[in-house]
PDB file of N, CA and C in Angstrom:
ATOM      1  N   UNK A   1      29.217 -18.754  -6.701  1.00  0.00           N
ATOM      2  CA  UNK A   1      28.381 -19.818  -7.190  1.00  0.00           C
ATOM      3  C   UNK A   1      27.007 -19.263  -7.577  1.00  0.00           C
ATOM      4  N   UNK A   2      26.509 -19.780  -8.659  1.00  0.00           N
ATOM      5  CA  UNK A   2      25.210 -19.339  -9.136  1.00  0.00           C
ATOM      6  C   UNK A   2      24.252 -20.515  -9.168  1.00  0.00           C
ATOM      7  N   UNK A   3      23.075 -20.297  -8.638  1.00  0.00           N
ATOM      8  CA  UNK A   3      22.034 -21.311  -8.668  1.00  0.00           C
ATOM      9  C   UNK A   3      20.935 -20.832  -9.591  1.00  0.00           C
ATOM     10  N   UNK A   4      20.600 -21.634 -10.559  1.00  0.00           N
ATOM     11  CA  UNK A   4      19.566 -21.248 -11.528  1.00  0.00           C
ATOM     12  C   UNK A   4      18.223 -21.038 -10.833  1.00  0.00           C
ATOM     13  N   UNK A   5      17.904 -21.857  -9.856  1.00  0.00           N
ATOM     14  CA  UNK A   5      16.624 -21.750  -9.156  1.00  0.00           C
ATOM     15  C   UNK A   5      16.484 -20.436  -8.411  1.00  0.00           C
ATOM     16  N   UNK A   6      17.553 -19.974  -7.755  1.00  0.00           N
ATOM     17  CA  UNK A   6      17.464 -18.726  -7.007  1.00  0.00           C
ATOM     18  C   UNK A   6      17.321 -17.533  -7.956  1.00  0.00           C
ATOM     19  N   UNK A   7      17.954 -17.613  -9.132  1.00  0.00           N
ATOM     20  CA  UNK A   7      17.831 -16.539 -10.112  1.00  0.00           C
ATOM     21  C   UNK A   7      16.394 -16.443 -10.623  1.00  0.00           C
ATOM     22  N   UNK A   8      15.771 -17.575 -10.878  1.00  0.00           N
ATOM     23  CA  UNK A   8      14.388 -17.584 -11.346  1.00  0.00           C
ATOM     24  C   UNK A   8      13.468 -17.012 -10.276  1.00  0.00           C
ATOM     25  N   UNK A   9      13.741 -17.314  -9.023  1.00  0.00           N
ATOM     26  CA  UNK A   9      12.892 -16.818  -7.951  1.00  0.00           C
ATOM     27  C   UNK A   9      13.042 -15.294  -7.810  1.00  0.00           C
ATOM     28  N   UNK A  10      14.245 -14.777  -7.998  1.00  0.00           N
ATOM     29  CA  UNK A  10      14.437 -13.335  -7.931  1.00  0.00           C
ATOM     30  C   UNK A  10      13.656 -12.636  -9.038  1.00  0.00           C
ATOM     31  N   UNK A  11      13.646 -13.191 -10.213  1.00  0.00           N
ATOM     32  CA  UNK A  11      12.913 -12.595 -11.320  1.00  0.00           C
ATOM     33  C   UNK A  11      11.420 -12.644 -11.018  1.00  0.00           C
ATOM     34  N   UNK A  12      10.953 -13.750 -10.482  1.00  0.00           N
ATOM     35  CA  UNK A  12       9.542 -13.925 -10.189  1.00  0.00           C
ATOM     36  C   UNK A  12       9.058 -12.919  -9.141  1.00  0.00           C
ATOM     37  N   UNK A  13       9.873 -12.655  -8.120  1.00  0.00           N
ATOM     38  CA  UNK A  13       9.472 -11.770  -7.031  1.00  0.00           C
ATOM     39  C   UNK A  13      10.237 -10.454  -7.063  1.00  0.00           C
ATOM     40  N   UNK A  14      10.769 -10.059  -8.200  1.00  0.00           N
ATOM     41  CA  UNK A  14      11.586  -8.871  -8.290  1.00  0.00           C
ATOM     42  C   UNK A  14      10.829  -7.557  -8.341  1.00  0.00           C
ATOM     43  N   UNK A  15       9.501  -7.572  -8.326  1.00  0.00           N
ATOM     44  CA  UNK A  15       8.731  -6.342  -8.457  1.00  0.00           C
ATOM     45  C   UNK A  15       8.602  -5.584  -7.138  1.00  0.00           C
ATOM     46  N   UNK A  16       8.893  -6.192  -6.029  1.00  0.00           N
ATOM     47  CA  UNK A  16       8.867  -5.571  -4.701  1.00  0.00           C
ATOM     48  C   UNK A  16       7.534  -4.894  -4.393  1.00  0.00           C
ATOM     49  N   UNK A  17       6.453  -5.453  -4.860  1.00  0.00           N
ATOM     50  CA  UNK A  17       5.135  -4.918  -4.544  1.00  0.00           C
ATOM     51  C   UNK A  17       4.715  -3.725  -5.372  1.00  0.00           C
ATOM     52  N   UNK A  18       5.373  -3.451  -6.473  1.00  0.00           N
ATOM     53  CA  UNK A  18       5.007  -2.313  -7.314  1.00  0.00           C
ATOM     54  C   UNK A  18       3.802  -2.666  -8.176  1.00  0.00           C
ATOM     55  N   UNK A  19       2.656  -2.725  -7.539  1.00  0.00           N
ATOM     56  CA  UNK A  19       1.408  -3.052  -8.226  1.00  0.00           C
ATOM     57  C   UNK A  19       0.421  -1.913  -8.001  1.00  0.00           C
ATOM     58  N   UNK A  20      -0.613  -1.832  -8.820  1.00  0.00           N
ATOM     59  CA  UNK A  20      -1.622  -0.784  -8.590  1.00  0.00           C
ATOM     60  C   UNK A  20      -2.235  -0.863  -7.191  1.00  0.00           C
ATOM     61  N   UNK A  21      -2.476  -2.072  -6.699  1.00  0.00           N
ATOM     62  CA  UNK A  21      -3.051  -2.222  -5.359  1.00  0.00           C
ATOM     63  C   UNK A  21      -2.102  -1.688  -4.298  1.00  0.00           C
ATOM     64  N   UNK A  22      -0.829  -2.008  -4.418  1.00  0.00           N
ATOM     65  CA  UNK A  22       0.151  -1.563  -3.426  1.00  0.00           C
ATOM     66  C   UNK A  22       0.316  -0.045  -3.455  1.00  0.00           C
ATOM     67  N   UNK A  23       0.430   0.524  -4.655  1.00  0.00           N
ATOM     68  CA  UNK A  23       0.605   1.970  -4.755  1.00  0.00           C
ATOM     69  C   UNK A  23      -0.615   2.723  -4.238  1.00  0.00           C
ATOM     70  N   UNK A  24      -1.799   2.244  -4.550  1.00  0.00           N
ATOM     71  CA  UNK A  24      -3.017   2.894  -4.074  1.00  0.00           C
ATOM     72  C   UNK A  24      -3.075   2.857  -2.556  1.00  0.00           C
ATOM     73  N   UNK A  25      -2.754   1.697  -1.985  1.00  0.00           N
ATOM     74  CA  UNK A  25      -2.753   1.562  -0.529  1.00  0.00           C
ATOM     75  C   UNK A  25      -1.763   2.531   0.103  1.00  0.00           C
ATOM     76  N   UNK A  26      -0.569   2.598  -0.433  1.00  0.00           N
ATOM     77  CA  UNK A  26       0.463   3.476   0.120  1.00  0.00           C
ATOM     78  C   UNK A  26       0.044   4.946   0.022  1.00  0.00           C
ATOM     79  N   UNK A  27      -0.510   5.344  -1.104  1.00  0.00           N
ATOM     80  CA  UNK A  27      -0.924   6.744  -1.274  1.00  0.00           C
ATOM     81  C   UNK A  27      -2.028   7.107  -0.275  1.00  0.00           C
ATOM     82  N   UNK A  28      -3.033   6.243  -0.135  1.00  0.00           N
ATOM     83  CA  UNK A  28      -4.131   6.522   0.794  1.00  0.00           C
ATOM     84  C   UNK A  28      -3.610   6.600   2.225  1.00  0.00           C
ATOM     85  N   UNK A  29      -2.736   5.677   2.612  1.00  0.00           N
ATOM     86  CA  UNK A  29      -2.225   5.678   3.978  1.00  0.00           C
ATOM     87  C   UNK A  29      -1.297   6.870   4.220  1.00  0.00           C
ATOM     88  N   UNK A  30      -0.528   7.278   3.231  1.00  0.00           N
ATOM     89  CA  UNK A  30       0.305   8.485   3.382  1.00  0.00           C
ATOM     90  C   UNK A  30      -0.569   9.722   3.581  1.00  0.00           C
ATOM     91  N   UNK A  31      -1.650   9.820   2.818  1.00  0.00           N
ATOM     92  CA  UNK A  31      -2.587  10.935   3.002  1.00  0.00           C
ATOM     93  C   UNK A  31      -3.197  10.880   4.397  1.00  0.00           C
ATOM     94  N   UNK A  32      -3.518   9.676   4.857  1.00  0.00           N
ATOM     95  CA  UNK A  32      -4.082   9.506   6.198  1.00  0.00           C
ATOM     96  C   UNK A  32      -3.116  10.006   7.267  1.00  0.00           C
ATOM     97  N   UNK A  33      -1.838   9.676   7.127  1.00  0.00           N
ATOM     98  CA  UNK A  33      -0.859  10.136   8.106  1.00  0.00           C
ATOM     99  C   UNK A  33      -0.671  11.648   8.025  1.00  0.00           C
ATOM    100  N   UNK A  34      -0.751  12.210   6.840  1.00  0.00           N
ATOM    101  CA  UNK A  34      -0.665  13.657   6.691  1.00  0.00           C
ATOM    102  C   UNK A  34      -1.842  14.334   7.403  1.00  0.00           C
ATOM    103  N   UNK A  35      -3.039  13.816   7.182  1.00  0.00           N
ATOM    104  CA  UNK A  35      -4.230  14.355   7.841  1.00  0.00           C
ATOM    105  C   UNK A  35      -4.094  14.225   9.359  1.00  0.00           C
ATOM    106  N   UNK A  36      -3.665  13.060   9.824  1.00  0.00           N
ATOM    107  CA  UNK A  36      -3.502  12.849  11.261  1.00  0.00           C
ATOM    108  C   UNK A  36      -2.451  13.751  11.876  1.00  0.00           C
ATOM    109  N   UNK A  37      -1.357  13.956  11.169  1.00  0.00           N
ATOM    110  CA  UNK A  37      -0.295  14.832  11.659  1.00  0.00           C
ATOM    111  C   UNK A  37      -0.772  16.278  11.750  1.00  0.00           C
ATOM    112  N   UNK A  38      -1.435  16.738  10.696  1.00  0.00           N
ATOM    113  CA  UNK A  38      -1.971  18.099  10.731  1.00  0.00           C
ATOM    114  C   UNK A  38      -2.993  18.259  11.852  1.00  0.00           C
ATOM    115  N   UNK A  39      -3.800  17.235  12.072  1.00  0.00           N
ATOM    116  CA  UNK A  39      -4.813  17.287  13.128  1.00  0.00           C
ATOM    117  C   UNK A  39      -4.170  17.431  14.507  1.00  0.00           C
ATOM    118  N   UNK A  40      -3.100  16.691  14.745  1.00  0.00           N
ATOM    119  CA  UNK A  40      -2.417  16.784  16.037  1.00  0.00           C
ATOM    120  C   UNK A  40      -1.791  18.172  16.199  1.00  0.00           C
ATOM    121  N   UNK A  41      -1.191  18.679  15.123  1.00  0.00           N
ATOM    122  CA  UNK A  41      -0.574  20.009  15.185  1.00  0.00           C
ATOM    123  C   UNK A  41      -1.614  21.096  15.454  1.00  0.00           C
ATOM    124  N   UNK A  42      -2.811  20.916  14.898  1.00  0.00           N
ATOM    125  CA  UNK A  42      -3.876  21.902  15.073  1.00  0.00           C
ATOM    126  C   UNK A  42      -4.731  21.634  16.314  1.00  0.00           C
ATOM    127  N   UNK A  43      -4.550  20.482  16.934  1.00  0.00           N
ATOM    128  CA  UNK A  43      -5.359  20.112  18.094  1.00  0.00           C
ATOM    129  C   UNK A  43      -6.800  19.791  17.725  1.00  0.00           C
ATOM    130  N   UNK A  44      -6.991  19.287  16.512  1.00  0.00           N
ATOM    131  CA  UNK A  44      -8.329  18.987  16.001  1.00  0.00           C
ATOM    132  C   UNK A  44      -8.555  17.478  16.069  1.00  0.00           C
ATOM    133  N   UNK A  45      -9.191  17.006  17.136  1.00  0.00           N
ATOM    134  CA  UNK A  45      -9.340  15.564  17.331  1.00  0.00           C
ATOM    135  C   UNK A  45     -10.299  14.898  16.351  1.00  0.00           C
ATOM    136  N   UNK A  46     -11.394  15.523  15.953  1.00  0.00           N
ATOM    137  CA  UNK A  46     -12.226  14.871  14.922  1.00  0.00           C
ATOM    138  C   UNK A  46     -11.450  14.633  13.617  1.00  0.00           C
ATOM    139  N   UNK A  47     -10.619  15.602  13.248  1.00  0.00           N
ATOM    140  CA  UNK A  47      -9.790  15.449  12.053  1.00  0.00           C
ATOM    141  C   UNK A  47      -8.783  14.310  12.237  1.00  0.00           C
ATOM    142  N   UNK A  48      -8.266  14.166  13.445  1.00  0.00           N
ATOM    143  CA  UNK A  48      -7.340  13.066  13.730  1.00  0.00           C
ATOM    144  C   UNK A  48      -8.020  11.720  13.491  1.00  0.00           C
ATOM    145  N   UNK A  49      -9.253  11.583  13.972  1.00  0.00           N
ATOM    146  CA  UNK A  49      -9.968  10.310  13.806  1.00  0.00           C
ATOM    147  C   UNK A  49     -10.333  10.048  12.350  1.00  0.00           C
ATOM    148  N   UNK A  50     -10.513  11.114  11.566  1.00  0.00           N
ATOM    149  CA  UNK A  50     -10.710  10.940  10.120  1.00  0.00           C
ATOM    150  C   UNK A  50      -9.435  10.353   9.514  1.00  0.00           C
ATOM    151  N   UNK A  51      -8.283  10.861   9.928  1.00  0.00           N
ATOM    152  CA  UNK A  51      -7.010  10.314   9.459  1.00  0.00           C
ATOM    153  C   UNK A  51      -6.844   8.855   9.850  1.00  0.00           C
ATOM    154  N   UNK A  52      -7.218   8.524  11.090  1.00  0.00           N
ATOM    155  CA  UNK A  52      -7.122   7.134  11.539  1.00  0.00           C
ATOM    156  C   UNK A  52      -8.052   6.238  10.727  1.00  0.00           C
ATOM    157  N   UNK A  53      -9.239   6.731  10.421  1.00  0.00           N
ATOM    158  CA  UNK A  53     -10.184   5.952   9.616  1.00  0.00           C
ATOM    159  C   UNK A  53      -9.650   5.758   8.193  1.00  0.00           C
ATOM    160  N   UNK A  54      -8.944   6.753   7.669  1.00  0.00           N
ATOM    161  CA  UNK A  54      -8.382   6.630   6.321  1.00  0.00           C
ATOM    162  C   UNK A  54      -7.325   5.530   6.243  1.00  0.00           C
ATOM    163  N   UNK A  55      -6.616   5.282   7.329  1.00  0.00           N
ATOM    164  CA  UNK A  55      -5.655   4.172   7.343  1.00  0.00           C
ATOM    165  C   UNK A  55      -6.393   2.859   7.120  1.00  0.00           C
ATOM    166  N   UNK A  56      -7.503   2.695   7.817  1.00  0.00           N
ATOM    167  CA  UNK A  56      -8.301   1.471   7.663  1.00  0.00           C
ATOM    168  C   UNK A  56      -8.875   1.390   6.248  1.00  0.00           C
ATOM    169  N   UNK A  57      -9.379   2.510   5.733  1.00  0.00           N
ATOM    170  CA  UNK A  57      -9.923   2.544   4.370  1.00  0.00           C
ATOM    171  C   UNK A  57      -8.850   2.156   3.365  1.00  0.00           C
ATOM    172  N   UNK A  58      -7.642   2.677   3.534  1.00  0.00           N
ATOM    173  CA  UNK A  58      -6.544   2.342   2.630  1.00  0.00           C
ATOM    174  C   UNK A  58      -6.247   0.857   2.613  1.00  0.00           C
ATOM    175  N   UNK A  59      -6.223   0.247   3.795  1.00  0.00           N
ATOM    176  CA  UNK A  59      -5.962  -1.191   3.873  1.00  0.00           C
ATOM    177  C   UNK A  59      -7.079  -1.989   3.194  1.00  0.00           C
ATOM    178  N   UNK A  60      -8.313  -1.578   3.401  1.00  0.00           N
ATOM    179  CA  UNK A  60      -9.451  -2.287   2.796  1.00  0.00           C
ATOM    180  C   UNK A  60      -9.436  -2.128   1.277  1.00  0.00           C
ATOM    181  N   UNK A  61      -9.206  -0.922   0.802  1.00  0.00           N
ATOM    182  CA  UNK A  61      -9.157  -0.676  -0.642  1.00  0.00           C
ATOM    183  C   UNK A  61      -8.045  -1.504  -1.290  1.00  0.00           C
ATOM    184  N   UNK A  62      -6.878  -1.532  -0.647  1.00  0.00           N
ATOM    185  CA  UNK A  62      -5.761  -2.323  -1.165  1.00  0.00           C
ATOM    186  C   UNK A  62      -6.094  -3.801  -1.250  1.00  0.00           C
ATOM    187  N   UNK A  63      -6.755  -4.321  -0.225  1.00  0.00           N
ATOM    188  CA  UNK A  63      -7.116  -5.748  -0.223  1.00  0.00           C
ATOM    189  C   UNK A  63      -8.150  -6.041  -1.304  1.00  0.00           C
ATOM    190  N   UNK A  64      -9.109  -5.146  -1.468  1.00  0.00           N
ATOM    191  CA  UNK A  64     -10.118  -5.332  -2.520  1.00  0.00           C
ATOM    192  C   UNK A  64      -9.456  -5.322  -3.893  1.00  0.00           C
ATOM    193  N   UNK A  65      -8.545  -4.373  -4.110  1.00  0.00           N
ATOM    194  CA  UNK A  65      -7.852  -4.300  -5.403  1.00  0.00           C
ATOM    195  C   UNK A  65      -6.995  -5.542  -5.632  1.00  0.00           C
ATOM    196  N   UNK A  66      -6.339  -6.024  -4.586  1.00  0.00           N
ATOM    197  CA  UNK A  66      -5.529  -7.237  -4.712  1.00  0.00           C
ATOM    198  C   UNK A  66      -6.413  -8.425  -5.080  1.00  0.00           C
ATOM    199  N   UNK A  67      -7.556  -8.535  -4.430  1.00  0.00           N
ATOM    200  CA  UNK A  67      -8.493  -9.624  -4.719  1.00  0.00           C
ATOM    201  C   UNK A  67      -9.018  -9.532  -6.142  1.00  0.00           C
ATOM    202  N   UNK A  68      -9.168  -8.308  -6.650  1.00  0.00           N
ATOM    203  CA  UNK A  68      -9.659  -8.097  -8.017  1.00  0.00           C
ATOM    204  C   UNK A  68      -8.597  -8.356  -9.076  1.00  0.00           C
ATOM    205  N   UNK A  69      -7.381  -8.701  -8.623  1.00  0.00           N
ATOM    206  CA  UNK A  69      -6.331  -9.041  -9.580  1.00  0.00           C
ATOM    207  C   UNK A  69      -5.350  -7.914  -9.858  1.00  0.00           C
ATOM    208  N   UNK A  70      -5.469  -6.817  -9.151  1.00  0.00           N
ATOM    209  CA  UNK A  70      -4.571  -5.690  -9.370  1.00  0.00           C
ATOM    210  C   UNK A  70      -3.358  -5.722  -8.447  1.00  0.00           C
ATOM    211  N   UNK A  71      -3.197  -6.818  -7.742  1.00  0.00           N
ATOM    212  CA  UNK A  71      -2.078  -6.944  -6.823  1.00  0.00           C
ATOM    213  C   UNK A  71      -0.954  -7.797  -7.362  1.00  0.00           C
ATOM    214  N   UNK A  72      -0.968  -8.055  -8.664  1.00  0.00           N
ATOM    215  CA  UNK A  72       0.080  -8.857  -9.275  1.00  0.00           C
ATOM    216  C   UNK A  72       0.594  -8.154 -10.519  1.00  0.00           C
ATOM    217  N   UNK A  73       1.848  -8.426 -10.831  1.00  0.00           N
ATOM    218  CA  UNK A  73       2.461  -7.878 -12.036  1.00  0.00           C
ATOM    219  C   UNK A  73       2.088  -8.787 -13.207  1.00  0.00           C
ATOM    220  N   UNK A  74       1.606  -8.235 -14.323  1.00  0.00           N
ATOM    221  CA  UNK A  74       1.292  -9.095 -15.475  1.00  0.00           C
ATOM    222  C   UNK A  74       2.548  -9.816 -15.971  1.00  0.00           C
ATOM    223  N   UNK A  75       2.382 -11.065 -16.321  1.00  0.00           N
ATOM    224  CA  UNK A  75       3.520 -11.846 -16.851  1.00  0.00           C
ATOM    225  C   UNK A  75       3.800 -11.427 -18.273  1.00  0.00           C
ATOM    226  N   UNK A  76       5.081 -11.379 -18.589  1.00  0.00           N
ATOM    227  CA  UNK A  76       5.490 -10.976 -19.937  1.00  0.00           C
ATOM    228  C   UNK A  76       5.664 -12.175 -20.814  1.00  0.00           C
TER     229      UNK A  76
END
């Protein structure tokens, strides 16, 4: 069975967060985890806290970009 309404909703939300805001947030947080992981391996605690701070920065940057309109896919 096919429901026209469910098909329209899938198209509307089919981007799965692939927006500039989402990608920027993910990249910053991935870098943060890389920095934090290297810090733990090296036993460098100040570097670890820089990585932890980058996670927060990534979340803030993503929210700012989303608020600025970069968190949505342009309608065709």
